N, C-alpha and C. Protein backbone atom coordinates (compact mmCIF):
# COMPACT_ATOMS: atom_id res chain seq x y z
N UNK A 1 4.72 -8.89 -15.97
CA UNK A 1 5.02 -9.03 -14.73
C UNK A 1 6.30 -7.56 -14.44
N UNK A 2 6.14 -7.62 -13.29
CA UNK A 2 6.77 -6.14 -12.64
C UNK A 2 8.12 -6.51 -12.56
N UNK A 3 9.16 -5.64 -12.79
CA UNK A 3 10.42 -5.84 -12.48
C UNK A 3 10.86 -5.61 -11.10
N UNK A 4 11.90 -5.93 -10.53
CA UNK A 4 12.12 -5.60 -9.12
C UNK A 4 12.44 -4.00 -8.72
N UNK A 5 12.97 -3.23 -9.53
CA UNK A 5 12.85 -1.83 -9.22
C UNK A 5 11.28 -1.38 -9.02
N UNK A 6 10.15 -1.72 -9.99
CA UNK A 6 9.03 -1.60 -9.75
C UNK A 6 8.39 -1.90 -8.46
N UNK A 7 8.66 -3.20 -8.21
CA UNK A 7 8.09 -3.69 -7.08
C UNK A 7 8.64 -3.04 -5.48
N UNK A 8 9.93 -2.74 -5.70
CA UNK A 8 10.56 -1.81 -4.57
C UNK A 8 9.55 -0.43 -4.35
N UNK A 9 9.37 0.05 -5.48
CA UNK A 9 8.73 1.38 -5.44
C UNK A 9 7.51 1.41 -4.98
N UNK A 10 6.76 0.28 -5.38
CA UNK A 10 5.29 -0.07 -5.01
C UNK A 10 5.65 -0.39 -3.32
N UNK A 11 6.56 -0.87 -2.89
CA UNK A 11 6.54 -1.20 -1.42
C UNK A 11 7.02 0.09 -0.64
N UNK A 12 7.81 0.71 -1.31
CA UNK A 12 8.02 2.06 -0.57
C UNK A 12 6.77 2.92 -0.63
N UNK A 13 6.05 3.06 -1.56
CA UNK A 13 4.68 3.69 -1.20
C UNK A 13 3.82 3.43 -0.45
N UNK A 14 3.56 1.83 -0.43
CA UNK A 14 2.59 1.35 0.39
C UNK A 14 3.24 1.68 2.02
N UNK A 15 4.34 1.55 2.33
CA UNK A 15 5.14 2.10 3.72
C UNK A 15 4.58 3.55 3.96
N UNK A 16 4.89 4.23 2.98
CA UNK A 16 4.69 5.67 3.14
C UNK A 16 3.23 5.93 3.47
N UNK A 17 2.38 5.22 2.69
CA UNK A 17 0.86 5.60 2.96
C UNK A 17 0.51 4.88 4.47
N UNK A 18 0.78 3.73 4.68
CA UNK A 18 0.72 3.10 5.98
C UNK A 18 1.25 3.71 7.20
N UNK A 19 2.41 4.60 7.07
CA UNK A 19 3.10 5.06 8.04
C UNK A 19 2.66 7.04 8.12
N UNK A 20 1.69 7.28 7.10
CA UNK A 20 1.47 8.67 7.30
C UNK A 20 1.21 9.38 8.73
N UNK A 21 1.63 10.28 8.83
CA UNK A 21 1.31 11.17 9.97
C UNK A 21 0.05 12.08 9.90
N UNK A 22 -0.30 12.19 8.76
CA UNK A 22 -1.61 13.02 8.18
C UNK A 22 -2.59 12.06 7.81
N UNK A 23 -3.82 12.61 7.78
CA UNK A 23 -5.12 11.56 7.12
C UNK A 23 -4.82 11.42 5.89
N UNK A 24 -4.63 10.32 5.21
CA UNK A 24 -4.11 10.24 3.73
C UNK A 24 -5.69 10.63 3.19
N UNK A 25 -6.93 10.35 3.45
CA UNK A 25 -7.94 10.44 2.62
C UNK A 25 -8.65 12.00 3.03
N UNK A 26 -7.72 12.75 3.54
CA UNK A 26 -8.43 14.11 4.07
C UNK A 26 -8.91 14.77 2.72
N UNK A 27 -8.55 14.84 1.83
CA UNK A 27 -9.26 15.72 0.46
C UNK A 27 -9.93 14.54 -0.10
N UNK A 28 -10.16 13.38 0.25
CA UNK A 28 -11.09 12.39 -0.70
C UNK A 28 -12.17 12.16 -0.06
N UNK A 29 -13.00 13.04 -0.17
CA UNK A 29 -14.31 13.16 0.36
C UNK A 29 -15.35 12.12 -0.26
N UNK A 30 -15.16 11.51 -1.36
CA UNK A 30 -16.07 10.68 -2.11
C UNK A 30 -15.62 9.07 -1.48
N UNK A 31 -14.59 9.18 -0.90
CA UNK A 31 -14.01 7.66 -0.48
C UNK A 31 -14.34 7.41 0.91
N UNK A 32 -15.06 6.26 1.08
CA UNK A 32 -15.51 5.98 2.52
C UNK A 32 -14.49 5.08 3.13
N UNK A 33 -13.37 4.37 2.57
CA UNK A 33 -12.51 3.80 3.39
C UNK A 33 -11.23 3.47 2.31
N UNK A 34 -9.93 3.23 2.94
CA UNK A 34 -8.94 2.53 2.07
C UNK A 34 -8.21 1.57 2.96
N UNK A 35 -7.87 0.73 2.08
CA UNK A 35 -7.48 -0.55 2.63
C UNK A 35 -6.07 -0.79 2.07
N UNK A 36 -4.88 -0.82 2.66
CA UNK A 36 -3.90 -1.41 1.91
C UNK A 36 -3.64 -2.54 2.26
N UNK A 37 -3.38 -3.44 1.25
CA UNK A 37 -2.87 -4.89 1.21
C UNK A 37 -2.18 -5.36 0.41
N UNK A 38 -1.02 -6.02 0.95
CA UNK A 38 -0.08 -6.73 0.20
C UNK A 38 -0.02 -8.05 -0.24
N UNK A 39 -0.13 -8.40 -1.55
CA UNK A 39 -0.30 -9.92 -1.53
C UNK A 39 0.92 -10.55 -2.07
N UNK A 40 1.48 -11.80 -1.82
CA UNK A 40 2.66 -12.54 -2.29
C UNK A 40 2.21 -13.00 -3.61
N UNK A 41 3.29 -13.70 -3.95
CA UNK A 41 3.26 -14.30 -5.31
C UNK A 41 2.13 -15.05 -5.41
N UNK A 42 1.95 -15.63 -4.40
CA UNK A 42 0.96 -16.83 -4.32
C UNK A 42 -0.41 -16.37 -4.25
N UNK A 43 -0.85 -15.16 -3.89
CA UNK A 43 -2.08 -14.74 -3.87
C UNK A 43 -2.35 -14.56 -2.29
N UNK A 44 -1.60 -14.85 -1.64
CA UNK A 44 -1.79 -14.57 -0.03
C UNK A 44 -1.74 -13.42 0.80
N UNK A 45 -2.68 -12.57 1.06
CA UNK A 45 -2.47 -11.41 1.96
C UNK A 45 -1.79 -11.33 3.02
N UNK A 46 -0.88 -10.46 3.03
CA UNK A 46 0.01 -10.27 4.50
C UNK A 46 -0.05 -8.64 4.84
N UNK A 47 0.51 -8.46 5.97
CA UNK A 47 0.61 -7.27 6.52
C UNK A 47 1.85 -6.58 5.92
N UNK A 48 1.89 -5.19 6.05
CA UNK A 48 2.78 -4.53 5.33
C UNK A 48 4.12 -4.85 5.64
N UNK A 49 4.17 -4.92 6.84
CA UNK A 49 5.60 -5.39 7.54
C UNK A 49 6.34 -6.87 7.38
N UNK A 50 5.33 -7.69 6.33
CA UNK A 50 6.01 -8.99 6.07
C UNK A 50 6.98 -9.00 5.25
């Protein structure tokens, strides 16, 4: 199980990706899409701001 520092780091990185001012997939030409999804401990998906 992840410790709190790892969770905080993951949340930070997800917010950075979601709020990026430049296209995240700019150099990822083999990637058709990118979905950022945060799941609660119970497995329910939620918005990044939740």
